Structure formats: C-alpha cells, structure tokens
C-alpha cells in the first residue's frame, strides 16, 4: 500500500517569512526511489562521447579514457570531455569540482621478461 504524505514548509529569507506552502511532489529523502530515478536521469551521459567509458553508481560517475599515443591524449580527452560538458549543461547538471580527481596510468614501453 502506498501512503501519500503531504509536507508543509515555511520559507524564511532575510528575516522575512513567507506563507505556509505544501510540497506536493518530490521524492522523500532516504527513499530507494531517489537513486534509481537519478540513475535513469543520468544514464544518457554515456551516450554522448564515444571514446569514454562510464561507470555509474547512484550519484557517483567514473569516466575512463585510454589511448595508445600520449601526444594525442590531451586533445582527444578535452574533445570528449567537451561533449560531456555539453550534455551536463543540456541536462541542467554540474560537476562538483571539489570531489573530482584524475588519475593517469602509463604503461612502460619496455617489455619485461618474467
């Protein structure tokens, strides 16, 4: 059985209180529905650039890129991230730069004999 809850709030800004207002839509915090709907909303991000690989989990997104030529890395990666940026703008989303890191892994050119 689904139980409908109506939540009422009073907004106060700069010491001015506004009228009581009912929130008639939204997803309750802590609901399993929130992460599921977010995944459905953001799942289109992986369709924008073709050279990037994505792993999506709840509100976390991991983006992977690999190339064979180091001199092409900056240009092609910036082009692909530009496509991601366009998708984010169109979807009204933003990247939290404070939670963003990059990790660069290089494979040695010398082959090792084991």
N, C-alpha and C. Protein backbone atom coordinates (compact mmCIF):
# COMPACT_ATOMS: atom_id res chain seq x y z
N UNK A 1 0.84 -1.17 0.00
CA UNK A 1 0.00 0.00 0.00
C UNK A 1 0.90 1.24 0.00
N UNK A 2 0.60 2.18 -0.86
CA UNK A 2 1.33 3.43 -0.94
C UNK A 2 0.60 4.47 -0.11
N UNK A 3 1.35 5.11 0.78
CA UNK A 3 0.75 6.16 1.61
C UNK A 3 1.30 7.50 1.14
N UNK A 4 0.41 8.39 0.88
CA UNK A 4 0.78 9.72 0.42
C UNK A 4 0.96 10.64 1.62
N UNK A 5 2.12 11.32 1.64
CA UNK A 5 2.36 12.30 2.69
C UNK A 5 2.44 13.66 2.04
N UNK A 6 1.82 14.61 2.64
CA UNK A 6 1.96 15.99 2.19
C UNK A 6 2.79 16.72 3.23
N UNK A 7 3.85 17.34 2.76
CA UNK A 7 4.76 18.05 3.66
C UNK A 7 4.52 19.54 3.51
N UNK A 8 4.44 20.23 4.62
CA UNK A 8 4.25 21.68 4.61
C UNK A 8 5.53 22.35 5.09
N UNK A 9 5.90 23.45 4.45
CA UNK A 9 7.08 24.20 4.85
C UNK A 9 6.76 25.68 4.92
N UNK A 10 7.54 26.37 5.71
CA UNK A 10 7.51 27.83 5.76
C UNK A 10 8.91 28.29 5.38
N UNK A 11 8.98 29.12 4.38
CA UNK A 11 10.28 29.62 3.92
C UNK A 11 10.55 30.96 4.59
N UNK A 12 11.76 31.08 5.12
CA UNK A 12 12.18 32.35 5.72
C UNK A 12 13.48 32.77 5.06
N UNK A 13 13.51 34.01 4.58
CA UNK A 13 14.70 34.53 3.90
C UNK A 13 14.88 35.98 4.29
N UNK A 14 16.07 36.34 4.76
CA UNK A 14 16.36 37.69 5.21
C UNK A 14 15.34 38.19 6.23
N UNK A 15 15.04 37.35 7.20
CA UNK A 15 14.10 37.65 8.28
C UNK A 15 12.69 37.93 7.80
N UNK A 16 12.36 37.50 6.60
CA UNK A 16 11.00 37.62 6.08
C UNK A 16 10.44 36.22 5.93
N UNK A 17 9.30 35.95 6.57
CA UNK A 17 8.65 34.65 6.46
C UNK A 17 7.58 34.69 5.38
N UNK A 18 7.54 33.64 4.61
CA UNK A 18 6.54 33.52 3.56
C UNK A 18 5.44 32.58 4.02
N UNK A 19 4.35 32.56 3.31
CA UNK A 19 3.20 31.75 3.69
C UNK A 19 3.53 30.25 3.71
N UNK A 20 2.77 29.53 4.54
CA UNK A 20 2.87 28.08 4.61
C UNK A 20 2.57 27.52 3.23
N UNK A 21 3.38 26.58 2.80
CA UNK A 21 3.16 26.04 1.46
C UNK A 21 3.33 24.53 1.49
N UNK A 22 2.51 23.83 0.73
CA UNK A 22 2.54 22.37 0.67
C UNK A 22 3.45 21.92 -0.47
N UNK A 23 4.26 20.93 -0.18
CA UNK A 23 5.09 20.31 -1.22
C UNK A 23 4.32 19.10 -1.71
N UNK A 24 3.88 19.16 -2.97
CA UNK A 24 3.02 18.11 -3.50
C UNK A 24 3.76 17.12 -4.39
N UNK A 25 5.03 17.36 -4.64
CA UNK A 25 5.78 16.43 -5.49
C UNK A 25 7.19 16.30 -4.95
N UNK A 26 7.89 15.32 -5.43
CA UNK A 26 9.27 15.10 -5.00
C UNK A 26 9.43 13.70 -4.45
N UNK A 27 10.64 13.41 -4.02
CA UNK A 27 10.96 12.08 -3.52
C UNK A 27 11.47 12.24 -2.09
N UNK A 28 10.91 11.50 -1.16
CA UNK A 28 11.35 11.62 0.23
C UNK A 28 12.83 11.26 0.38
N UNK A 29 13.55 12.00 1.20
CA UNK A 29 14.96 11.71 1.45
C UNK A 29 15.08 10.34 2.09
N UNK A 30 16.05 9.57 1.64
CA UNK A 30 16.25 8.23 2.17
C UNK A 30 15.48 7.17 1.43
N UNK A 31 14.67 7.57 0.47
CA UNK A 31 13.90 6.62 -0.32
C UNK A 31 14.80 5.89 -1.30
N UNK A 32 14.52 4.63 -1.55
CA UNK A 32 15.27 3.87 -2.56
C UNK A 32 14.96 4.38 -3.96
N UNK A 33 13.87 5.09 -4.10
CA UNK A 33 13.46 5.61 -5.40
C UNK A 33 14.37 6.73 -5.88
N UNK A 34 14.93 7.52 -4.97
CA UNK A 34 15.79 8.65 -5.35
C UNK A 34 16.99 8.24 -6.19
N UNK A 35 17.85 7.32 -5.71
CA UNK A 35 19.00 6.89 -6.51
C UNK A 35 18.59 6.23 -7.82
N UNK A 36 17.50 5.47 -7.81
CA UNK A 36 17.04 4.81 -9.02
C UNK A 36 16.63 5.83 -10.09
N UNK A 37 15.87 6.83 -9.69
CA UNK A 37 15.47 7.86 -10.65
C UNK A 37 16.66 8.68 -11.13
N UNK A 38 17.65 8.91 -10.24
CA UNK A 38 18.84 9.64 -10.66
C UNK A 38 19.62 8.85 -11.70
N UNK A 39 19.75 7.53 -11.50
CA UNK A 39 20.44 6.70 -12.48
C UNK A 39 19.72 6.74 -13.82
N UNK A 40 18.40 6.69 -13.81
CA UNK A 40 17.64 6.79 -15.06
C UNK A 40 17.86 8.15 -15.72
N UNK A 41 17.92 9.19 -14.91
CA UNK A 41 18.10 10.56 -15.42
C UNK A 41 19.47 10.74 -16.04
N UNK A 42 20.50 10.20 -15.39
CA UNK A 42 21.87 10.45 -15.84
C UNK A 42 22.38 9.37 -16.81
N UNK A 43 21.63 8.31 -17.03
CA UNK A 43 22.11 7.23 -17.87
C UNK A 43 22.44 7.68 -19.30
N UNK A 44 21.86 8.75 -19.77
CA UNK A 44 22.14 9.25 -21.11
C UNK A 44 23.52 9.84 -21.27
N UNK A 45 24.21 10.11 -20.17
CA UNK A 45 25.55 10.70 -20.27
C UNK A 45 26.51 9.78 -21.01
N UNK A 46 26.33 8.49 -20.88
CA UNK A 46 27.26 7.56 -21.52
C UNK A 46 27.05 7.47 -23.03
N UNK A 47 25.99 8.07 -23.53
CA UNK A 47 25.74 8.07 -24.98
C UNK A 47 26.37 9.25 -25.69
N UNK A 48 26.80 10.28 -24.94
CA UNK A 48 27.31 11.49 -25.59
C UNK A 48 28.69 11.30 -26.20
N UNK A 49 29.73 10.97 -25.46
CA UNK A 49 31.03 10.76 -26.09
C UNK A 49 31.23 9.28 -26.40
N UNK A 50 31.89 8.99 -27.50
CA UNK A 50 32.08 7.60 -27.92
C UNK A 50 33.38 6.99 -27.40
N UNK A 51 34.38 7.80 -27.07
CA UNK A 51 35.68 7.28 -26.68
C UNK A 51 35.82 7.08 -25.17
N UNK A 52 34.86 7.58 -24.40
CA UNK A 52 34.93 7.46 -22.94
C UNK A 52 34.11 6.27 -22.47
N UNK A 53 34.54 5.67 -21.39
CA UNK A 53 33.79 4.59 -20.74
C UNK A 53 33.30 5.12 -19.39
N UNK A 54 32.06 4.78 -19.05
CA UNK A 54 31.43 5.29 -17.83
C UNK A 54 31.04 4.15 -16.91
N UNK A 55 31.20 4.39 -15.62
CA UNK A 55 30.63 3.53 -14.59
C UNK A 55 29.78 4.45 -13.72
N UNK A 56 28.48 4.16 -13.66
CA UNK A 56 27.54 4.98 -12.90
C UNK A 56 27.05 4.19 -11.69
N UNK A 57 27.07 4.82 -10.52
CA UNK A 57 26.52 4.21 -9.33
C UNK A 57 25.94 5.31 -8.46
N UNK A 58 24.64 5.24 -8.26
CA UNK A 58 23.92 6.27 -7.51
C UNK A 58 24.32 7.64 -8.04
N UNK A 59 24.87 8.52 -7.18
CA UNK A 59 25.22 9.86 -7.68
C UNK A 59 26.69 9.95 -8.08
N UNK A 60 27.40 8.83 -8.09
CA UNK A 60 28.81 8.83 -8.47
C UNK A 60 28.98 8.40 -9.93
N UNK A 61 29.84 9.10 -10.64
CA UNK A 61 30.14 8.78 -12.02
C UNK A 61 31.65 8.67 -12.19
N UNK A 62 32.09 7.56 -12.74
CA UNK A 62 33.51 7.38 -13.07
C UNK A 62 33.64 7.40 -14.58
N UNK A 63 34.61 8.16 -15.07
CA UNK A 63 34.85 8.26 -16.51
C UNK A 63 36.25 7.74 -16.79
N UNK A 64 36.36 6.83 -17.75
CA UNK A 64 37.63 6.24 -18.12
C UNK A 64 37.95 6.54 -19.58
N UNK A 65 39.24 6.77 -19.84
CA UNK A 65 39.70 7.02 -21.20
C UNK A 65 41.07 6.40 -21.37
N UNK A 66 41.29 5.76 -22.49
CA UNK A 66 42.62 5.23 -22.77
C UNK A 66 42.97 5.51 -24.23
N UNK A 67 44.26 5.68 -24.47
CA UNK A 67 44.73 5.89 -25.84
C UNK A 67 46.13 5.31 -25.96
N UNK A 68 46.53 5.06 -27.18
CA UNK A 68 47.85 4.46 -27.44
C UNK A 68 48.93 5.51 -27.61
N UNK A 69 48.59 6.69 -28.02
CA UNK A 69 49.58 7.73 -28.28
C UNK A 69 49.44 8.86 -27.27
N UNK A 70 50.48 9.04 -26.49
CA UNK A 70 50.45 10.05 -25.43
C UNK A 70 50.29 11.46 -25.98
N UNK A 71 50.84 11.74 -27.17
CA UNK A 71 50.74 13.10 -27.73
C UNK A 71 49.31 13.44 -28.16
N UNK A 72 48.44 12.44 -28.33
CA UNK A 72 47.04 12.69 -28.68
C UNK A 72 46.14 12.77 -27.46
N UNK A 73 46.67 12.42 -26.32
CA UNK A 73 45.87 12.32 -25.10
C UNK A 73 45.13 13.60 -24.75
N UNK A 74 45.85 14.72 -24.65
CA UNK A 74 45.23 15.98 -24.22
C UNK A 74 44.14 16.45 -25.16
N UNK A 75 44.42 16.44 -26.46
CA UNK A 75 43.44 16.93 -27.44
C UNK A 75 42.19 16.07 -27.48
N UNK A 76 42.37 14.76 -27.60
CA UNK A 76 41.19 13.90 -27.71
C UNK A 76 40.40 13.84 -26.41
N UNK A 77 41.09 13.83 -25.27
CA UNK A 77 40.38 13.81 -23.99
C UNK A 77 39.60 15.10 -23.78
N UNK A 78 40.19 16.25 -24.11
CA UNK A 78 39.47 17.52 -23.99
C UNK A 78 38.26 17.57 -24.91
N UNK A 79 38.37 17.03 -26.12
CA UNK A 79 37.22 16.97 -27.03
C UNK A 79 36.09 16.14 -26.44
N UNK A 80 36.44 14.98 -25.88
CA UNK A 80 35.43 14.10 -25.30
C UNK A 80 34.80 14.72 -24.05
N UNK A 81 35.63 15.34 -23.21
CA UNK A 81 35.07 15.99 -22.01
C UNK A 81 34.22 17.20 -22.38
N UNK A 82 34.50 17.83 -23.52
CA UNK A 82 33.65 18.91 -24.02
C UNK A 82 32.25 18.40 -24.34
N UNK A 83 32.17 17.19 -24.89
CA UNK A 83 30.86 16.57 -25.17
C UNK A 83 30.12 16.27 -23.87
N UNK A 84 30.85 15.80 -22.87
CA UNK A 84 30.24 15.55 -21.56
C UNK A 84 29.72 16.86 -20.98
N UNK A 85 30.51 17.92 -21.10
CA UNK A 85 30.11 19.24 -20.59
C UNK A 85 28.82 19.72 -21.27
N UNK A 86 28.73 19.54 -22.58
CA UNK A 86 27.51 19.94 -23.30
C UNK A 86 26.30 19.15 -22.81
N UNK A 87 26.49 17.85 -22.57
CA UNK A 87 25.39 17.02 -22.08
C UNK A 87 24.96 17.48 -20.68
N UNK A 88 25.94 17.79 -19.83
CA UNK A 88 25.62 18.25 -18.47
C UNK A 88 24.84 19.56 -18.51
N UNK A 89 25.25 20.49 -19.37
CA UNK A 89 24.55 21.77 -19.48
C UNK A 89 23.12 21.55 -19.96
N UNK A 90 22.97 20.71 -20.98
CA UNK A 90 21.62 20.43 -21.51
C UNK A 90 20.74 19.74 -20.47
N UNK A 91 21.35 18.96 -19.58
CA UNK A 91 20.61 18.23 -18.55
C UNK A 91 20.49 19.00 -17.24
N UNK A 92 21.02 20.22 -17.22
CA UNK A 92 20.99 21.08 -16.04
C UNK A 92 21.68 20.44 -14.84
N UNK A 93 22.84 19.83 -15.12
CA UNK A 93 23.64 19.22 -14.07
C UNK A 93 25.01 19.89 -14.04
N UNK A 94 25.72 19.72 -12.95
CA UNK A 94 27.06 20.30 -12.82
C UNK A 94 27.97 19.29 -12.13
N UNK A 95 29.24 19.39 -12.42
CA UNK A 95 30.25 18.55 -11.77
C UNK A 95 30.73 19.28 -10.52
N UNK A 96 30.82 18.55 -9.42
CA UNK A 96 31.38 19.10 -8.19
C UNK A 96 32.90 19.00 -8.30
N UNK A 97 33.55 20.10 -8.64
CA UNK A 97 34.99 20.12 -8.85
C UNK A 97 35.74 19.70 -7.59
N UNK A 98 35.20 20.02 -6.41
CA UNK A 98 35.87 19.66 -5.16
C UNK A 98 35.93 18.15 -4.96
N UNK A 99 35.05 17.41 -5.61
CA UNK A 99 35.04 15.95 -5.48
C UNK A 99 35.57 15.26 -6.74
N UNK A 100 36.22 16.01 -7.61
CA UNK A 100 36.70 15.47 -8.88
C UNK A 100 38.22 15.29 -8.83
N UNK A 101 38.66 14.10 -9.22
CA UNK A 101 40.09 13.83 -9.30
C UNK A 101 40.40 13.17 -10.63
N UNK A 102 41.66 13.23 -11.03
CA UNK A 102 42.09 12.50 -12.21
C UNK A 102 43.26 11.62 -11.82
N UNK A 103 43.33 10.48 -12.43
CA UNK A 103 44.42 9.55 -12.21
C UNK A 103 44.95 9.16 -13.58
N UNK A 104 46.24 9.30 -13.78
CA UNK A 104 46.86 8.97 -15.05
C UNK A 104 47.74 7.74 -14.84
N UNK A 105 47.48 6.69 -15.59
CA UNK A 105 48.27 5.47 -15.52
C UNK A 105 48.95 5.26 -16.86
N UNK A 106 50.26 5.05 -16.83
CA UNK A 106 51.03 4.82 -18.05
C UNK A 106 51.62 3.42 -18.03
N UNK A 107 51.64 2.81 -19.20
CA UNK A 107 52.25 1.51 -19.33
C UNK A 107 53.68 1.69 -19.81
N UNK A 108 54.61 0.98 -19.21
CA UNK A 108 56.00 1.09 -19.59
C UNK A 108 56.20 0.59 -21.01
N UNK A 109 57.06 1.27 -21.76
CA UNK A 109 57.37 0.87 -23.13
C UNK A 109 58.26 -0.37 -23.17
N UNK A 110 59.08 -0.54 -22.15
CA UNK A 110 59.99 -1.68 -22.11
C UNK A 110 59.24 -2.93 -21.71
N UNK A 111 59.42 -3.99 -22.48
CA UNK A 111 58.77 -5.26 -22.14
C UNK A 111 59.64 -6.02 -21.16
N UNK A 112 59.04 -6.54 -20.16
CA UNK A 112 59.77 -7.26 -19.14
C UNK A 112 59.70 -8.75 -19.43
N UNK A 113 60.81 -9.43 -19.24
CA UNK A 113 60.85 -10.88 -19.39
C UNK A 113 60.69 -11.49 -18.00
N UNK A 114 59.66 -12.22 -17.79
CA UNK A 114 59.40 -12.83 -16.50
C UNK A 114 59.87 -14.24 -16.54
